[in-house]
C-alpha atoms as a PDB file:
ATOM      1  CA  MET A   1     114.499 129.538 -22.918  1.00  0.00           C
ATOM      2  CA  TRP A   2     113.910 133.307 -22.869  1.00  0.00           C
ATOM      3  CA  TRP A   3     113.066 133.225 -26.573  1.00  0.00           C
ATOM      4  CA  LEU A   4     110.224 130.790 -25.887  1.00  0.00           C
ATOM      5  CA  VAL A   5     108.745 133.170 -23.307  1.00  0.00           C
ATOM      6  CA  ALA A   6     109.099 136.043 -25.792  1.00  0.00           C
ATOM      7  CA  ILE A   7     107.293 134.058 -28.488  1.00  0.00           C
ATOM      8  CA  VAL A   8     104.457 133.144 -26.094  1.00  0.00           C
ATOM      9  CA  PHE A   9     104.045 136.799 -25.089  1.00  0.00           C
ATOM     10  CA  ALA A  10     104.088 137.923 -28.725  1.00  0.00           C
ATOM     11  CA  VAL A  11     101.469 135.374 -29.785  1.00  0.00           C
ATOM     12  CA  THR A  12      99.272 136.159 -26.768  1.00  0.00           C
ATOM     13  CA  GLY A  13      99.542 139.878 -27.472  1.00  0.00           C
ATOM     14  CA  TYR A  14      98.681 139.381 -31.132  1.00  0.00           C
ATOM     15  CA  PHE A  15      95.534 137.372 -30.400  1.00  0.00           C
ATOM     16  CA  SER A  16      94.467 139.821 -27.682  1.00  0.00           C
ATOM     17  CA  TRP A  17      94.842 142.681 -30.157  1.00  0.00           C
ATOM     18  CA  GLN A  18      92.813 140.768 -32.769  1.00  0.00           C
ATOM     19  CA  THR A  19      90.039 140.282 -30.192  1.00  0.00           C
ATOM     20  CA  VAL A  20      89.980 144.015 -29.464  1.00  0.00           C
ATOM     21  CA  LEU A  21      89.862 144.828 -33.178  1.00  0.00           C
ATOM     22  CA  SER A  22      86.981 142.409 -33.752  1.00  0.00           C
ATOM     23  CA  ARG A  23      84.991 144.166 -31.013  1.00  0.00           C
ATOM     24  CA  THR A  24      85.710 147.704 -32.235  1.00  0.00           C
ATOM     25  CA  PRO A  25      83.233 148.814 -34.899  1.00  0.00           C
ATOM     26  CA  LYS A  26      84.627 151.179 -37.534  1.00  0.00           C
ATOM     27  CA  ALA A  27      81.222 152.722 -38.301  1.00  0.00           C
ATOM     28  CA  GLY A  28      77.702 152.216 -37.083  1.00  0.00           C
ATOM     29  CA  ILE A  29      74.953 153.491 -34.825  1.00  0.00           C
ATOM     30  CA  VAL A  30      74.995 153.934 -31.050  1.00  0.00           C
ATOM     31  CA  LEU A  31      71.603 154.255 -29.367  1.00  0.00           C
ATOM     32  CA  MET A  32      71.523 155.242 -25.698  1.00  0.00           C
ATOM     33  CA  LEU A  33      68.961 155.688 -22.964  1.00  0.00           C
ATOM     34  CA  PRO A  34      71.132 157.184 -20.193  1.00  0.00           C
ATOM     35  CA  LYS A  35      68.492 157.035 -17.439  1.00  0.00           C
ATOM     36  CA  GLU A  36      68.022 153.281 -17.910  1.00  0.00           C
ATOM     37  CA  ASN A  37      71.717 152.636 -18.749  1.00  0.00           C
ATOM     38  CA  PHE A  38      70.554 150.987 -21.992  1.00  0.00           C
ATOM     39  CA  VAL A  39      72.946 150.888 -24.955  1.00  0.00           C
ATOM     40  CA  GLU A  40      72.479 149.446 -28.431  1.00  0.00           C
ATOM     41  CA  ILE A  41      75.390 149.299 -30.856  1.00  0.00           C
ATOM     42  CA  GLN A  42      74.837 148.350 -34.489  1.00  0.00           C
ATOM     43  CA  SER A  43      77.443 148.035 -37.208  1.00  0.00           C
ATOM     44  CA  GLN A  44      78.253 145.747 -40.104  1.00  0.00           C
ATOM     45  CA  THR A  45      80.196 143.364 -37.874  1.00  0.00           C
ATOM     46  CA  ILE A  46      78.478 143.546 -34.469  1.00  0.00           C
ATOM     47  CA  ASN A  47      75.008 144.090 -33.052  1.00  0.00           C
ATOM     48  CA  PHE A  48      74.783 144.331 -29.264  1.00  0.00           C
ATOM     49  CA  LYS A  49      72.106 145.725 -27.034  1.00  0.00           C
ATOM     50  CA  GLY A  50      71.627 145.606 -23.324  1.00  0.00           C
ATOM     51  CA  GLN A  51      72.225 147.305 -20.031  1.00  0.00           C
ATOM     52  CA  LEU A  52      75.492 149.133 -19.485  1.00  0.00           C
ATOM     53  CA  ILE A  53      77.049 147.559 -16.386  1.00  0.00           C
ATOM     54  CA  GLY A  54      80.480 149.163 -16.482  1.00  0.00           C
ATOM     55  CA  ALA A  55      83.007 150.978 -18.600  1.00  0.00           C
ATOM     56  CA  THR A  56      86.649 151.954 -18.750  1.00  0.00           C
ATOM     57  CA  ILE A  57      87.848 155.107 -20.482  1.00  0.00           C
ATOM     58  CA  TRP A  58      91.334 154.764 -21.973  1.00  0.00           C
ATOM     59  CA  PHE A  59      93.291 158.036 -22.317  1.00  0.00           C
ATOM     60  CA  ASP A  60      90.162 159.947 -23.406  1.00  0.00           C
ATOM     61  CA  SER A  61      90.419 158.300 -26.825  1.00  0.00           C
ATOM     62  CA  GLN A  62      88.810 154.882 -26.374  1.00  0.00           C
ATOM     63  CA  ILE A  63      86.095 153.476 -24.141  1.00  0.00           C
ATOM     64  CA  ALA A  64      85.492 149.837 -23.258  1.00  0.00           C
ATOM     65  CA  LEU A  65      81.811 149.218 -22.509  1.00  0.00           C
ATOM     66  CA  LYS A  66      80.636 146.212 -20.521  1.00  0.00           C
ATOM     67  CA  ILE A  67      77.104 145.335 -21.608  1.00  0.00           C
ATOM     68  CA  MET A  68      74.743 142.672 -20.233  1.00  0.00           C
ATOM     69  CA  ASP A  69      71.985 141.474 -22.572  1.00  0.00           C
ATOM     70  CA  VAL A  70      68.560 140.061 -21.692  1.00  0.00           C
ATOM     71  CA  ASN A  71      70.042 136.543 -21.386  1.00  0.00           C
ATOM     72  CA  GLN A  72      72.471 137.810 -18.698  1.00  0.00           C
ATOM     73  CA  ALA A  73      75.394 137.300 -21.113  1.00  0.00           C
ATOM     74  CA  LYS A  74      78.146 139.898 -20.741  1.00  0.00           C
ATOM     75  CA  GLN A  75      79.909 141.458 -23.711  1.00  0.00           C
ATOM     76  CA  GLN A  76      82.704 143.987 -23.959  1.00  0.00           C
ATOM     77  CA  ILE A  77      82.672 146.534 -26.795  1.00  0.00           C
ATOM     78  CA  PHE A  78      85.354 149.083 -27.628  1.00  0.00           C
ATOM     79  CA  LEU A  79      84.571 152.487 -29.168  1.00  0.00           C
ATOM     80  CA  THR A  80      87.055 155.103 -30.309  1.00  0.00           C
ATOM     81  CA  ARG A  81      86.500 158.822 -29.932  1.00  0.00           C
ATOM     82  CA  GLN A  82      86.872 159.414 -33.673  1.00  0.00           C
ATOM     83  CA  ALA A  83      84.042 156.984 -34.432  1.00  0.00           C
ATOM     84  CA  ILE A  84      81.258 159.085 -32.897  1.00  0.00           C
ATOM     85  CA  PRO A  85      80.361 162.801 -32.748  1.00  0.00           C
ATOM     86  CA  GLU A  86      81.857 164.854 -29.893  1.00  0.00           C
ATOM     87  CA  ALA A  87      78.524 165.479 -28.114  1.00  0.00           C
ATOM     88  CA  ASP A  88      77.712 161.757 -28.195  1.00  0.00           C
ATOM     89  CA  TRP A  89      81.209 160.919 -26.892  1.00  0.00           C
ATOM     90  CA  ARG A  90      80.701 163.235 -23.925  1.00  0.00           C
ATOM     91  CA  LEU A  91      77.272 161.753 -23.151  1.00  0.00           C
ATOM     92  CA  LEU A  92      78.681 158.238 -23.387  1.00  0.00           C
ATOM     93  CA  CYS A  93      81.560 159.098 -21.029  1.00  0.00           C
ATOM     94  CA  ARG A  94      79.205 160.746 -18.509  1.00  0.00           C
ATOM     95  CA  THR A  95      76.875 157.749 -18.600  1.00  0.00           C
ATOM     96  CA  ALA A  96      79.825 155.372 -18.187  1.00  0.00           C
ATOM     97  CA  LEU A  97      81.194 157.308 -15.223  1.00  0.00           C
ATOM     98  CA  LEU A  98      77.769 157.373 -13.549  1.00  0.00           C
ATOM     99  CA  THR A  99      77.411 153.629 -14.129  1.00  0.00           C
ATOM    100  CA  ASN A 100      80.801 152.979 -12.506  1.00  0.00           C
ATOM    101  CA  LYS A 101      79.857 155.220  -9.578  1.00  0.00           C
ATOM    102  CA  LYS A 102      76.673 153.183  -8.908  1.00  0.00           C
ATOM    103  CA  GLU A 103      78.616 149.908  -8.572  1.00  0.00           C
END
């Protein structure tokens, strides 16, 4: 019976990882208006824009952004530190921390 639980965990972990990878652009453009908490992310695979409503910084190497678009639909996007310039990473982290503080 333990092997069935292990298989379920492995399959669940695999599909969760595939979801994260599908929401992590490898290259693209990040547009930000920090005062309005507006973020637009464009890449070959995704195109999201909306208000930043929350974020989680993972080990100072990845950030998970929670974005709400004009239709009130919520999306979660993952960005890695290597994907954007250092100054933009710092601005994004500051904006994310300020957004979390306002909640």
